Structures are given as C-alpha cells and as structure tokens.
Amino acid sequence: MSLSIYFLRHGETTHSQTGGYCGALNPELTPAGMEMAQAFADAYGAMDWTAVFASPMKRTIATANPICDALGITPQLRDGLKELKYGAWEDRNPDEVRELYGQDYNRWMTEPAWNPPTGGETSTQIANRATAVIAEIQETYEAGNVLVVSHKATIRIMLCSLLGIDLGRYRDRIEMPVASISVVKFGRYGPMLTRLGERHHLSEALRNRAGT
C-alpha cells in the first residue's frame, strides 16, 4: 500500500464569498461552510484514515472537526499549512488593492513566486514551509491515507511544488474551490495527481453557491 495525501480546502467563509484577501485573518466558517465540512465527513468518514493534519486557523479546524470527531482522532496542527499572508492587502478586495498598491499588485500578478503582496509572502516562501509538512508526513507514514486541511493558495502551491509546475503559475494552472478535495498518490516514480478540485461530496446547492 502506498501513501495518499488528500488535500481539502476549508469550507466557505465570508471572504471566500466576497473575494476579499484573507490569509492571516481568522474568520469562522459560514453556516454553509459548516454544512460543507459535515458533508465531507459524511462522504469520507468510512475511509481508513491514518492521520489528519490541518492549518491552525478557525476555518480549517472547523472543517477538520467533523471527520476527526467521527474518527475519534485529533487533528495535528501545523503552521506550515497556513494561508499565504497578504500583508497590507488583508480584508481588501482586488480593486482596492490595485488602486492603493498598484506597482506591488502588478508585480505580484506577473510573478508571485518572487514578488509578495505588500508586506506579505511569496509563493516560494509558502512552498518552503508547506512542503516541509508534506516531507514530515512522508517520513512518518510510509503508507495509508492522510488528510491535509488547508487553504486555497497554499494547496495550489503545494500541488505545483509536488508536480513540478512553476510556482509563479499556481493561479493560472490550478483551480481550488471551497471544500474541494485533491489527491496525490506517492508511488515508485514520485507524486501523481489522481484527483483535482473534486466536490462530489457536496450537494448541488452547496456547489452552486456564489463565490466558491
């Protein structure tokens, strides 16, 4: 049996609805976000899980809790799984950021691997801290299913790093809707993406919510 890591983006928050930048901010899930977390637990609770890792933010812990409660395990919290920090852009929408921080915004849009949001983090920095958690998982668990509950940009950057995709293109290459699951299987020839952004566990109403 090989190791498979299931990457789960947290459920809906008010910021995922509006598109406002939210990295270091710590919002709760919306009621619909809680439904998404429970829907994942209902669909995947019968699987044989080896461990659950999560970012230590309210929205990721709340997403992990239903399945952890069903399994009777505690999520292992890792700072490396936190969302990209947006610095001065936190809680602002793209139009506001473009107006207030035009040069930084243009540089970030062009090459985010090396250009951060004003006072924030680059995707290279995210890759360094997040893939350290993946390395820990690989070293600790040779086989089994491990759930990693994290955030939109962070999951996309981890997938790019694992699959050899330019870190500066994470927004251009990978979609990551709220409460979606992506799976990477680690085999003889390295990581293989077997599922991306899947949301079959959600009801049609949840899948069709605006801003997700």
N, C-alpha and C. Protein backbone atom coordinates (compact mmCIF):
# COMPACT_ATOMS: atom_id res chain seq x y z
N MET A 1 0.84 -1.20 0.00
CA MET A 1 0.00 0.00 0.00
C MET A 1 0.87 1.25 0.00
N SER A 2 0.51 2.22 -0.81
CA SER A 2 1.27 3.46 -0.90
C SER A 2 0.64 4.56 -0.06
N LEU A 3 1.32 5.68 0.05
CA LEU A 3 0.80 6.84 0.78
C LEU A 3 -0.01 7.71 -0.18
N SER A 4 -1.19 8.11 0.26
CA SER A 4 -2.00 9.08 -0.48
C SER A 4 -2.33 10.25 0.44
N ILE A 5 -2.10 11.46 -0.04
CA ILE A 5 -2.45 12.66 0.73
C ILE A 5 -3.67 13.31 0.07
N TYR A 6 -4.70 13.52 0.88
CA TYR A 6 -5.93 14.18 0.45
C TYR A 6 -5.87 15.63 0.91
N PHE A 7 -5.84 16.55 -0.03
CA PHE A 7 -5.78 17.97 0.28
C PHE A 7 -7.20 18.54 0.25
N LEU A 8 -7.69 19.00 1.38
CA LEU A 8 -9.05 19.54 1.49
C LEU A 8 -8.98 21.03 1.77
N ARG A 9 -9.55 21.83 0.87
CA ARG A 9 -9.67 23.26 1.16
C ARG A 9 -10.83 23.46 2.13
N HIS A 10 -10.66 24.39 3.06
CA HIS A 10 -11.69 24.64 4.07
C HIS A 10 -13.01 25.07 3.43
N GLY A 11 -14.07 25.00 4.21
CA GLY A 11 -15.39 25.39 3.74
C GLY A 11 -15.54 26.90 3.61
N GLU A 12 -16.71 27.29 3.22
CA GLU A 12 -17.00 28.69 2.90
C GLU A 12 -16.83 29.63 4.10
N THR A 13 -16.23 30.80 3.84
CA THR A 13 -16.20 31.92 4.79
C THR A 13 -16.78 33.13 4.08
N THR A 14 -16.99 34.22 4.81
CA THR A 14 -17.48 35.43 4.17
C THR A 14 -16.48 35.94 3.14
N HIS A 15 -15.19 35.73 3.37
CA HIS A 15 -14.17 36.21 2.43
C HIS A 15 -14.14 35.37 1.16
N SER A 16 -14.38 34.08 1.27
CA SER A 16 -14.43 33.28 0.04
C SER A 16 -15.65 33.66 -0.79
N GLN A 17 -16.69 34.18 -0.14
CA GLN A 17 -17.86 34.66 -0.87
C GLN A 17 -17.58 35.96 -1.60
N THR A 18 -16.89 36.88 -0.94
CA THR A 18 -16.70 38.22 -1.49
C THR A 18 -15.45 38.35 -2.34
N GLY A 19 -14.48 37.45 -2.18
CA GLY A 19 -13.24 37.56 -2.92
C GLY A 19 -12.22 38.45 -2.25
N GLY A 20 -12.49 38.89 -1.02
CA GLY A 20 -11.52 39.70 -0.29
C GLY A 20 -10.32 38.88 0.12
N TYR A 21 -9.15 39.50 0.17
CA TYR A 21 -7.93 38.78 0.54
C TYR A 21 -7.97 38.41 2.02
N CYS A 22 -7.73 37.15 2.29
CA CYS A 22 -7.83 36.63 3.65
C CYS A 22 -6.78 35.56 3.85
N GLY A 23 -5.67 35.94 4.47
CA GLY A 23 -4.61 34.99 4.76
C GLY A 23 -4.41 34.86 6.26
N ALA A 24 -3.90 35.94 6.86
CA ALA A 24 -3.67 35.95 8.30
C ALA A 24 -4.95 36.22 9.08
N LEU A 25 -5.98 36.75 8.42
CA LEU A 25 -7.26 36.93 9.10
C LEU A 25 -7.80 35.57 9.52
N ASN A 26 -8.67 35.58 10.53
CA ASN A 26 -9.09 34.30 11.11
C ASN A 26 -10.61 34.20 11.22
N PRO A 27 -11.32 34.26 10.08
CA PRO A 27 -12.78 34.19 10.15
C PRO A 27 -13.28 32.79 10.45
N GLU A 28 -14.51 32.74 10.93
CA GLU A 28 -15.21 31.46 11.13
C GLU A 28 -15.78 31.00 9.79
N LEU A 29 -16.17 29.73 9.72
CA LEU A 29 -16.95 29.26 8.60
C LEU A 29 -18.35 29.87 8.66
N THR A 30 -18.95 30.08 7.49
CA THR A 30 -20.36 30.45 7.44
C THR A 30 -21.20 29.21 7.76
N PRO A 31 -22.50 29.35 8.00
CA PRO A 31 -23.34 28.16 8.16
C PRO A 31 -23.22 27.20 6.98
N ALA A 32 -23.14 27.73 5.77
CA ALA A 32 -22.95 26.86 4.60
C ALA A 32 -21.59 26.17 4.65
N GLY A 33 -20.59 26.89 5.15
CA GLY A 33 -19.26 26.29 5.31
C GLY A 33 -19.26 25.13 6.28
N MET A 34 -20.04 25.26 7.35
CA MET A 34 -20.18 24.16 8.30
C MET A 34 -20.88 22.97 7.65
N GLU A 35 -21.87 23.24 6.81
CA GLU A 35 -22.54 22.16 6.08
C GLU A 35 -21.54 21.45 5.16
N MET A 36 -20.66 22.21 4.53
CA MET A 36 -19.65 21.62 3.65
C MET A 36 -18.72 20.69 4.43
N ALA A 37 -18.31 21.13 5.61
CA ALA A 37 -17.43 20.30 6.44
C ALA A 37 -18.11 19.00 6.84
N GLN A 38 -19.38 19.10 7.22
CA GLN A 38 -20.12 17.90 7.61
C GLN A 38 -20.35 16.99 6.41
N ALA A 39 -20.59 17.57 5.24
CA ALA A 39 -20.80 16.76 4.03
C ALA A 39 -19.54 15.97 3.69
N PHE A 40 -18.38 16.58 3.88
CA PHE A 40 -17.13 15.84 3.64
C PHE A 40 -17.02 14.68 4.62
N ALA A 41 -17.30 14.95 5.90
CA ALA A 41 -17.21 13.89 6.90
C ALA A 41 -18.18 12.75 6.60
N ASP A 42 -19.39 13.11 6.16
CA ASP A 42 -20.38 12.08 5.84
C ASP A 42 -19.92 11.20 4.67
N ALA A 43 -19.28 11.83 3.69
CA ALA A 43 -18.87 11.10 2.49
C ALA A 43 -17.60 10.30 2.68
N TYR A 44 -16.69 10.81 3.52
CA TYR A 44 -15.36 10.19 3.62
C TYR A 44 -15.09 9.57 4.98
N GLY A 45 -16.05 9.62 5.89
CA GLY A 45 -15.81 9.11 7.23
C GLY A 45 -15.56 7.62 7.31
N ALA A 46 -16.04 6.87 6.33
CA ALA A 46 -15.87 5.42 6.36
C ALA A 46 -14.52 4.97 5.82
N MET A 47 -13.75 5.91 5.26
CA MET A 47 -12.42 5.55 4.75
C MET A 47 -11.48 5.22 5.90
N ASP A 48 -10.44 4.50 5.57
CA ASP A 48 -9.40 4.16 6.54
C ASP A 48 -8.36 5.27 6.56
N TRP A 49 -8.48 6.17 7.53
CA TRP A 49 -7.57 7.31 7.62
C TRP A 49 -6.43 7.03 8.58
N THR A 50 -5.23 7.41 8.18
CA THR A 50 -4.05 7.23 9.01
C THR A 50 -3.84 8.41 9.95
N ALA A 51 -4.08 9.64 9.45
CA ALA A 51 -3.87 10.85 10.24
C ALA A 51 -4.56 12.02 9.56
N VAL A 52 -4.78 13.08 10.35
CA VAL A 52 -5.33 14.32 9.82
C VAL A 52 -4.43 15.46 10.26
N PHE A 53 -3.99 16.26 9.30
CA PHE A 53 -3.20 17.46 9.57
C PHE A 53 -4.02 18.67 9.14
N ALA A 54 -3.84 19.80 9.84
CA ALA A 54 -4.61 20.99 9.50
C ALA A 54 -3.84 22.25 9.84
N SER A 55 -4.12 23.28 9.09
CA SER A 55 -3.69 24.63 9.45
C SER A 55 -4.38 25.03 10.76
N PRO A 56 -3.69 25.77 11.63
CA PRO A 56 -4.29 26.10 12.93
C PRO A 56 -5.19 27.33 12.91
N MET A 57 -5.95 27.52 11.83
CA MET A 57 -6.87 28.64 11.73
C MET A 57 -8.29 28.15 12.01
N LYS A 58 -9.16 29.05 12.43
CA LYS A 58 -10.53 28.66 12.79
C LYS A 58 -11.24 27.95 11.64
N ARG A 59 -11.06 28.44 10.43
CA ARG A 59 -11.80 27.91 9.29
C ARG A 59 -11.33 26.51 8.89
N THR A 60 -10.04 26.23 9.10
CA THR A 60 -9.54 24.90 8.77
C THR A 60 -9.82 23.90 9.89
N ILE A 61 -9.69 24.34 11.12
CA ILE A 61 -10.00 23.45 12.24
C ILE A 61 -11.48 23.07 12.21
N ALA A 62 -12.35 24.05 11.93
CA ALA A 62 -13.78 23.77 11.87
C ALA A 62 -14.11 22.82 10.72
N THR A 63 -13.33 22.88 9.64
CA THR A 63 -13.54 21.97 8.52
C THR A 63 -13.07 20.56 8.86
N ALA A 64 -12.00 20.46 9.63
CA ALA A 64 -11.46 19.16 10.01
C ALA A 64 -12.25 18.49 11.13
N ASN A 65 -12.89 19.29 11.97
CA ASN A 65 -13.50 18.73 13.18
C ASN A 65 -14.55 17.64 12.93
N PRO A 66 -15.48 17.80 11.97
CA PRO A 66 -16.50 16.76 11.81
C PRO A 66 -15.91 15.38 11.49
N ILE A 67 -14.95 15.32 10.60
CA ILE A 67 -14.40 14.00 10.29
C ILE A 67 -13.52 13.50 11.42
N CYS A 68 -12.81 14.40 12.11
CA CYS A 68 -12.00 13.97 13.25
C CYS A 68 -12.89 13.44 14.37
N ASP A 69 -14.03 14.11 14.59
CA ASP A 69 -14.97 13.63 15.61
C ASP A 69 -15.49 12.24 15.24
N ALA A 70 -15.78 12.04 13.95
CA ALA A 70 -16.29 10.73 13.51
C ALA A 70 -15.24 9.64 13.68
N LEU A 71 -13.97 10.01 13.49
CA LEU A 71 -12.89 9.03 13.58
C LEU A 71 -12.35 8.88 15.00
N GLY A 72 -12.68 9.84 15.87
CA GLY A 72 -12.15 9.81 17.23
C GLY A 72 -10.67 10.14 17.30
N ILE A 73 -10.21 11.03 16.41
CA ILE A 73 -8.81 11.44 16.42
C ILE A 73 -8.72 12.96 16.51
N THR A 74 -7.53 13.44 16.84
CA THR A 74 -7.29 14.88 16.96
C THR A 74 -6.45 15.35 15.77
N PRO A 75 -6.83 16.44 15.12
CA PRO A 75 -6.02 16.92 14.01
C PRO A 75 -4.66 17.43 14.50
N GLN A 76 -3.64 17.15 13.73
CA GLN A 76 -2.29 17.63 14.03
C GLN A 76 -2.13 18.98 13.35
N LEU A 77 -1.98 20.04 14.14
CA LEU A 77 -1.94 21.40 13.61
C LEU A 77 -0.51 21.80 13.25
N ARG A 78 -0.36 22.41 12.08
CA ARG A 78 0.95 22.81 11.59
C ARG A 78 0.87 24.22 11.00
N ASP A 79 1.72 25.13 11.50
CA ASP A 79 1.76 26.49 10.97
C ASP A 79 2.13 26.52 9.49
N GLY A 80 2.90 25.53 9.05
CA GLY A 80 3.31 25.49 7.65
C GLY A 80 2.15 25.37 6.68
N LEU A 81 0.98 24.97 7.17
CA LEU A 81 -0.19 24.81 6.31
C LEU A 81 -1.08 26.06 6.27
N LYS A 82 -0.67 27.13 6.94
CA LYS A 82 -1.46 28.37 6.93
C LYS A 82 -1.52 28.96 5.52
N GLU A 83 -2.50 29.85 5.33
CA GLU A 83 -2.66 30.51 4.05
C GLU A 83 -1.55 31.54 3.82
N LEU A 84 -1.34 31.87 2.56
CA LEU A 84 -0.43 32.94 2.18
C LEU A 84 -0.82 34.21 2.92
N LYS A 85 0.14 34.88 3.53
CA LYS A 85 -0.13 36.13 4.23
C LYS A 85 -0.17 37.26 3.21
N TYR A 86 -1.25 38.04 3.24
CA TYR A 86 -1.42 39.12 2.26
C TYR A 86 -1.00 40.49 2.78
N GLY A 87 -0.45 40.56 3.99
CA GLY A 87 0.09 41.81 4.50
C GLY A 87 -0.93 42.93 4.51
N ALA A 88 -0.57 44.07 3.87
CA ALA A 88 -1.43 45.25 3.86
C ALA A 88 -2.70 45.04 3.04
N TRP A 89 -2.75 43.95 2.28
CA TRP A 89 -3.93 43.69 1.45
C TRP A 89 -5.04 42.95 2.20
N GLU A 90 -4.75 42.48 3.39
CA GLU A 90 -5.74 41.70 4.13
C GLU A 90 -7.06 42.47 4.27
N ASP A 91 -8.15 41.77 4.01
CA ASP A 91 -9.51 42.29 4.15
C ASP A 91 -9.87 43.33 3.07
N ARG A 92 -9.04 43.45 2.03
CA ARG A 92 -9.35 44.33 0.90
C ARG A 92 -9.66 43.49 -0.33
N ASN A 93 -10.44 44.05 -1.24
CA ASN A 93 -10.72 43.35 -2.49
C ASN A 93 -9.70 43.74 -3.56
N PRO A 94 -9.61 43.00 -4.66
CA PRO A 94 -8.60 43.29 -5.68
C PRO A 94 -8.67 44.70 -6.24
N ASP A 95 -9.86 45.26 -6.40
CA ASP A 95 -9.95 46.63 -6.93
C ASP A 95 -9.33 47.64 -5.98
N GLU A 96 -9.56 47.47 -4.69
CA GLU A 96 -8.95 48.37 -3.70
C GLU A 96 -7.43 48.24 -3.72
N VAL A 97 -6.96 47.00 -3.77
CA VAL A 97 -5.51 46.76 -3.76
C VAL A 97 -4.87 47.36 -5.01
N ARG A 98 -5.50 47.18 -6.15
CA ARG A 98 -4.96 47.72 -7.41
C ARG A 98 -4.83 49.24 -7.33
N GLU A 99 -5.80 49.88 -6.68
CA GLU A 99 -5.76 51.33 -6.56
C GLU A 99 -4.72 51.80 -5.55
N LEU A 100 -4.60 51.11 -4.43
CA LEU A 100 -3.72 51.56 -3.36
C LEU A 100 -2.28 51.09 -3.51
N TYR A 101 -2.09 49.90 -4.09
CA TYR A 101 -0.75 49.30 -4.17
C TYR A 101 -0.48 48.80 -5.59
N GLY A 102 -0.69 49.70 -6.57
CA GLY A 102 -0.67 49.31 -7.97
C GLY A 102 0.60 48.62 -8.42
N GLN A 103 1.77 49.17 -8.07
CA GLN A 103 3.03 48.57 -8.52
C GLN A 103 3.24 47.19 -7.91
N ASP A 104 3.01 47.09 -6.60
CA ASP A 104 3.16 45.78 -5.94
C ASP A 104 2.17 44.78 -6.50
N TYR A 105 0.95 45.23 -6.75
CA TYR A 105 -0.08 44.33 -7.29
C TYR A 105 0.32 43.82 -8.67
N ASN A 106 0.81 44.70 -9.53
CA ASN A 106 1.22 44.29 -10.87
C ASN A 106 2.38 43.31 -10.82
N ARG A 107 3.34 43.56 -9.94
CA ARG A 107 4.47 42.64 -9.81
C ARG A 107 4.01 41.27 -9.31
N TRP A 108 3.09 41.29 -8.34
CA TRP A 108 2.57 40.04 -7.79
C TRP A 108 1.78 39.25 -8.82
N MET A 109 0.98 39.95 -9.60
CA MET A 109 0.21 39.29 -10.64
C MET A 109 1.10 38.70 -11.73
N THR A 110 2.23 39.37 -11.99
CA THR A 110 3.13 38.92 -13.04
C THR A 110 4.00 37.75 -12.58
N GLU A 111 4.55 37.84 -11.36
CA GLU A 111 5.47 36.81 -10.88
C GLU A 111 5.37 36.67 -9.36
N PRO A 112 4.33 35.95 -8.87
CA PRO A 112 4.13 35.83 -7.43
C PRO A 112 5.15 34.93 -6.73
N ALA A 113 5.91 34.17 -7.51
CA ALA A 113 6.91 33.31 -6.87
C ALA A 113 7.94 34.13 -6.11
N TRP A 114 8.24 35.32 -6.61
CA TRP A 114 9.29 36.13 -6.01
C TRP A 114 8.81 37.51 -5.56
N ASN A 115 7.60 37.90 -5.92
CA ASN A 115 7.06 39.20 -5.54
C ASN A 115 5.85 38.99 -4.62
N PRO A 116 5.93 39.46 -3.37
CA PRO A 116 4.83 39.23 -2.42
C PRO A 116 3.80 40.34 -2.48
N PRO A 117 2.61 40.09 -1.95
CA PRO A 117 1.72 41.21 -1.63
C PRO A 117 2.46 42.16 -0.68
N THR A 118 2.05 43.40 -0.62
CA THR A 118 2.74 44.38 0.20
C THR A 118 2.82 43.91 1.66
N GLY A 119 4.03 43.58 2.12
CA GLY A 119 4.20 43.09 3.48
C GLY A 119 3.81 41.65 3.68
N GLY A 120 3.56 40.92 2.59
CA GLY A 120 3.11 39.53 2.70
C GLY A 120 4.16 38.53 2.29
N GLU A 121 3.72 37.37 1.80
CA GLU A 121 4.61 36.26 1.48
C GLU A 121 4.58 35.94 -0.02
N THR A 122 5.70 35.43 -0.52
CA THR A 122 5.77 34.94 -1.89
C THR A 122 5.32 33.47 -1.92
N SER A 123 5.00 33.00 -3.12
CA SER A 123 4.63 31.59 -3.23
C SER A 123 5.83 30.69 -2.97
N THR A 124 7.04 31.18 -3.20
CA THR A 124 8.24 30.40 -2.87
C THR A 124 8.33 30.18 -1.36
N GLN A 125 8.04 31.22 -0.59
CA GLN A 125 8.05 31.07 0.88
C GLN A 125 6.98 30.08 1.33
N ILE A 126 5.80 30.15 0.72
CA ILE A 126 4.74 29.21 1.07
C ILE A 126 5.17 27.78 0.77
N ALA A 127 5.77 27.59 -0.41
CA ALA A 127 6.22 26.25 -0.79
C ALA A 127 7.23 25.71 0.21
N ASN A 128 8.14 26.55 0.66
CA ASN A 128 9.17 26.10 1.60
C ASN A 128 8.56 25.61 2.91
N ARG A 129 7.61 26.38 3.46
CA ARG A 129 7.05 25.97 4.77
C ARG A 129 6.02 24.86 4.63
N ALA A 130 5.25 24.87 3.55
CA ALA A 130 4.20 23.86 3.41
C ALA A 130 4.75 22.50 3.01
N THR A 131 5.72 22.49 2.11
CA THR A 131 6.28 21.20 1.70
C THR A 131 7.10 20.56 2.81
N ALA A 132 7.53 21.36 3.79
CA ALA A 132 8.18 20.77 4.96
C ALA A 132 7.19 19.89 5.73
N VAL A 133 5.92 20.27 5.75
CA VAL A 133 4.89 19.45 6.39
C VAL A 133 4.67 18.17 5.57
N ILE A 134 4.65 18.30 4.26
CA ILE A 134 4.50 17.12 3.40
C ILE A 134 5.66 16.16 3.62
N ALA A 135 6.86 16.70 3.73
CA ALA A 135 8.03 15.84 3.99
C ALA A 135 7.89 15.14 5.33
N GLU A 136 7.37 15.84 6.35
CA GLU A 136 7.14 15.22 7.66
C GLU A 136 6.14 14.06 7.53
N ILE A 137 5.09 14.27 6.77
CA ILE A 137 4.09 13.21 6.58
C ILE A 137 4.72 12.00 5.89
N GLN A 138 5.49 12.25 4.85
CA GLN A 138 6.13 11.15 4.13
C GLN A 138 7.10 10.38 5.01
N GLU A 139 7.80 11.09 5.86
CA GLU A 139 8.76 10.43 6.75
C GLU A 139 8.07 9.63 7.85
N THR A 140 6.90 10.11 8.28
CA THR A 140 6.20 9.49 9.40
C THR A 140 5.31 8.33 8.97
N TYR A 141 4.68 8.48 7.80
CA TYR A 141 3.72 7.49 7.33
C TYR A 141 4.14 6.97 5.95
N GLU A 142 4.59 5.75 5.91
CA GLU A 142 5.02 5.18 4.63
C GLU A 142 3.84 4.83 3.74
N ALA A 143 2.69 4.59 4.35
CA ALA A 143 1.51 4.18 3.59
C ALA A 143 0.26 4.67 4.30
N GLY A 144 -0.87 4.59 3.59
CA GLY A 144 -2.15 4.97 4.17
C GLY A 144 -2.69 6.25 3.57
N ASN A 145 -3.82 6.70 4.13
CA ASN A 145 -4.49 7.92 3.67
C ASN A 145 -4.35 9.00 4.73
N VAL A 146 -3.76 10.12 4.35
CA VAL A 146 -3.57 11.24 5.26
C VAL A 146 -4.33 12.44 4.72
N LEU A 147 -5.14 13.06 5.57
CA LEU A 147 -5.90 14.24 5.19
C LEU A 147 -5.14 15.49 5.61
N VAL A 148 -5.04 16.45 4.69
CA VAL A 148 -4.41 17.74 4.96
C VAL A 148 -5.45 18.83 4.68
N VAL A 149 -5.86 19.55 5.72
CA VAL A 149 -6.87 20.60 5.57
C VAL A 149 -6.16 21.95 5.57
N SER A 150 -6.26 22.64 4.44
CA SER A 150 -5.50 23.88 4.30
C SER A 150 -6.32 24.90 3.52
N HIS A 151 -5.63 25.76 2.77
CA HIS A 151 -6.24 26.94 2.17
C HIS A 151 -6.01 26.99 0.66
N LYS A 152 -6.74 27.89 0.01
CA LYS A 152 -6.77 27.95 -1.45
C LYS A 152 -5.37 28.09 -2.07
N ALA A 153 -4.68 29.19 -1.75
CA ALA A 153 -3.36 29.41 -2.36
C ALA A 153 -2.36 28.36 -1.89
N THR A 154 -2.39 28.04 -0.63
CA THR A 154 -1.40 27.10 -0.08
C THR A 154 -1.52 25.72 -0.72
N ILE A 155 -2.73 25.23 -0.90
CA ILE A 155 -2.89 23.92 -1.53
C ILE A 155 -2.42 23.98 -2.98
N ARG A 156 -2.77 25.03 -3.70
CA ARG A 156 -2.34 25.14 -5.10
C ARG A 156 -0.82 25.19 -5.21
N ILE A 157 -0.20 25.91 -4.29
CA ILE A 157 1.26 26.00 -4.30
C ILE A 157 1.89 24.66 -3.95
N MET A 158 1.33 23.95 -2.96
CA MET A 158 1.86 22.62 -2.64
C MET A 158 1.75 21.68 -3.83
N LEU A 159 0.63 21.72 -4.53
CA LEU A 159 0.45 20.84 -5.68
C LEU A 159 1.45 21.20 -6.78
N CYS A 160 1.65 22.48 -7.03
CA CYS A 160 2.64 22.90 -8.03
C CYS A 160 4.03 22.39 -7.66
N SER A 161 4.38 22.52 -6.40
CA SER A 161 5.70 22.08 -5.95
C SER A 161 5.86 20.57 -6.13
N LEU A 162 4.84 19.81 -5.77
CA LEU A 162 4.92 18.35 -5.89
C LEU A 162 4.95 17.88 -7.34
N LEU A 163 4.26 18.62 -8.22
CA LEU A 163 4.10 18.17 -9.61
C LEU A 163 5.09 18.82 -10.57
N GLY A 164 5.96 19.69 -10.04
CA GLY A 164 6.96 20.30 -10.90
C GLY A 164 6.42 21.42 -11.76
N ILE A 165 5.36 22.10 -11.29
CA ILE A 165 4.78 23.23 -12.00
C ILE A 165 5.39 24.51 -11.45
N ASP A 166 5.71 25.46 -12.33
CA ASP A 166 6.27 26.75 -11.93
C ASP A 166 5.42 27.37 -10.82
N LEU A 167 6.05 27.70 -9.69
CA LEU A 167 5.32 28.26 -8.55
C LEU A 167 4.68 29.60 -8.89
N GLY A 168 5.22 30.31 -9.84
CA GLY A 168 4.64 31.58 -10.23
C GLY A 168 3.36 31.45 -11.03
N ARG A 169 3.00 30.23 -11.40
CA ARG A 169 1.82 30.00 -12.23
C ARG A 169 0.70 29.28 -11.47
N TYR A 170 0.78 29.26 -10.15
CA TYR A 170 -0.21 28.47 -9.40
C TYR A 170 -1.63 28.95 -9.63
N ARG A 171 -1.82 30.27 -9.81
CA ARG A 171 -3.17 30.78 -10.08
C ARG A 171 -3.64 30.44 -11.48
N ASP A 172 -2.70 30.28 -12.41
CA ASP A 172 -3.04 30.05 -13.81
C ASP A 172 -3.26 28.58 -14.15
N ARG A 173 -2.78 27.69 -13.32
CA ARG A 173 -2.79 26.27 -13.66
C ARG A 173 -3.79 25.42 -12.86
N ILE A 174 -4.14 25.89 -11.64
CA ILE A 174 -4.93 25.03 -10.75
C ILE A 174 -6.09 25.80 -10.13
N GLU A 175 -7.29 25.26 -10.30
CA GLU A 175 -8.48 25.78 -9.60
C GLU A 175 -8.62 25.04 -8.26
N MET A 176 -9.15 25.76 -7.25
CA MET A 176 -9.30 25.13 -5.94
C MET A 176 -10.53 25.70 -5.25
N PRO A 177 -11.74 25.24 -5.61
CA PRO A 177 -12.96 25.76 -4.98
C PRO A 177 -13.02 25.41 -3.49
N VAL A 178 -13.86 26.13 -2.76
CA VAL A 178 -14.00 25.85 -1.33
C VAL A 178 -14.51 24.42 -1.15
N ALA A 179 -14.02 23.79 -0.10
CA ALA A 179 -14.43 22.44 0.31
C ALA A 179 -14.15 21.38 -0.75
N SER A 180 -13.22 21.66 -1.65
CA SER A 180 -12.87 20.67 -2.67
C SER A 180 -11.72 19.79 -2.19
N ILE A 181 -11.65 18.59 -2.76
CA ILE A 181 -10.63 17.62 -2.39
C ILE A 181 -9.75 17.32 -3.59
N SER A 182 -8.45 17.29 -3.37
CA SER A 182 -7.48 16.88 -4.38
C SER A 182 -6.60 15.81 -3.77
N VAL A 183 -6.18 14.85 -4.57
CA VAL A 183 -5.46 13.69 -4.04
C VAL A 183 -4.15 13.48 -4.80
N VAL A 184 -3.09 13.30 -4.04
CA VAL A 184 -1.78 12.96 -4.60
C VAL A 184 -1.35 11.61 -4.03
N LYS A 185 -1.04 10.69 -4.91
CA LYS A 185 -0.56 9.37 -4.52
C LYS A 185 0.95 9.32 -4.72
N PHE A 186 1.65 8.86 -3.68
CA PHE A 186 3.11 8.78 -3.75
C PHE A 186 3.51 7.34 -4.07
N GLY A 187 3.99 7.15 -5.28
CA GLY A 187 4.36 5.82 -5.73
C GLY A 187 5.83 5.69 -6.05
N ARG A 188 6.15 4.65 -6.76
CA ARG A 188 7.54 4.34 -7.09
C ARG A 188 8.22 5.48 -7.85
N TYR A 189 7.44 6.18 -8.68
CA TYR A 189 8.03 7.23 -9.51
C TYR A 189 7.69 8.63 -9.02
N GLY A 190 7.33 8.73 -7.74
CA GLY A 190 7.06 10.04 -7.16
C GLY A 190 5.58 10.36 -7.08
N PRO A 191 5.25 11.64 -6.85
CA PRO A 191 3.85 12.03 -6.65
C PRO A 191 3.06 12.04 -7.95
N MET A 192 1.84 11.49 -7.87
CA MET A 192 0.92 11.50 -9.01
C MET A 192 -0.41 12.10 -8.58
N LEU A 193 -0.87 13.12 -9.28
CA LEU A 193 -2.17 13.71 -9.00
C LEU A 193 -3.26 12.81 -9.55
N THR A 194 -4.12 12.32 -8.68
CA THR A 194 -5.18 11.41 -9.12
C THR A 194 -6.56 12.06 -9.11
N ARG A 195 -6.73 13.14 -8.34
CA ARG A 195 -7.99 13.89 -8.32
C ARG A 195 -7.67 15.34 -8.04
N LEU A 196 -8.45 16.24 -8.66
CA LEU A 196 -8.20 17.67 -8.50
C LEU A 196 -9.52 18.43 -8.34
N GLY A 197 -9.62 19.18 -7.23
CA GLY A 197 -10.76 20.06 -7.02
C GLY A 197 -12.11 19.39 -7.06
N GLU A 198 -12.18 18.15 -6.59
CA GLU A 198 -13.43 17.39 -6.65
C GLU A 198 -14.38 17.82 -5.53
N ARG A 199 -15.68 17.95 -5.88
CA ARG A 199 -16.68 18.39 -4.90
C ARG A 199 -17.93 17.52 -4.95
N HIS A 200 -17.78 16.27 -5.34
CA HIS A 200 -18.94 15.39 -5.45
C HIS A 200 -19.62 15.14 -4.11
N HIS A 201 -18.89 15.36 -3.02
CA HIS A 201 -19.47 15.13 -1.70
C HIS A 201 -20.45 16.24 -1.29
N LEU A 202 -20.46 17.35 -2.03
CA LEU A 202 -21.35 18.46 -1.70
C LEU A 202 -22.66 18.35 -2.47
N SER A 203 -23.71 18.85 -1.86
CA SER A 203 -24.99 18.91 -2.56
C SER A 203 -24.89 19.91 -3.71
N GLU A 204 -25.81 19.82 -4.63
CA GLU A 204 -25.81 20.76 -5.76
C GLU A 204 -25.95 22.20 -5.27
N ALA A 205 -26.77 22.40 -4.25
CA ALA A 205 -26.96 23.75 -3.71
C ALA A 205 -25.67 24.32 -3.15
N LEU A 206 -24.90 23.49 -2.44
CA LEU A 206 -23.63 23.96 -1.90
C LEU A 206 -22.60 24.21 -3.00
N ARG A 207 -22.58 23.33 -4.00
CA ARG A 207 -21.63 23.51 -5.10
C ARG A 207 -21.91 24.79 -5.89
N ASN A 208 -23.17 25.18 -5.94
CA ASN A 208 -23.56 26.31 -6.78
C ASN A 208 -23.56 27.65 -6.07
N ARG A 209 -23.11 27.69 -4.83
CA ARG A 209 -23.09 28.97 -4.12
C ARG A 209 -22.12 29.91 -4.78
N ALA A 210 -22.49 31.19 -4.85
CA ALA A 210 -21.65 32.21 -5.50
C ALA A 210 -20.36 32.39 -4.72
N GLY A 211 -19.29 32.66 -5.46
CA GLY A 211 -18.02 33.00 -4.83
C GLY A 211 -17.23 31.82 -4.33
N THR A 212 -17.63 30.59 -4.67
CA THR A 212 -16.93 29.44 -4.15
C THR A 212 -16.06 28.77 -5.20
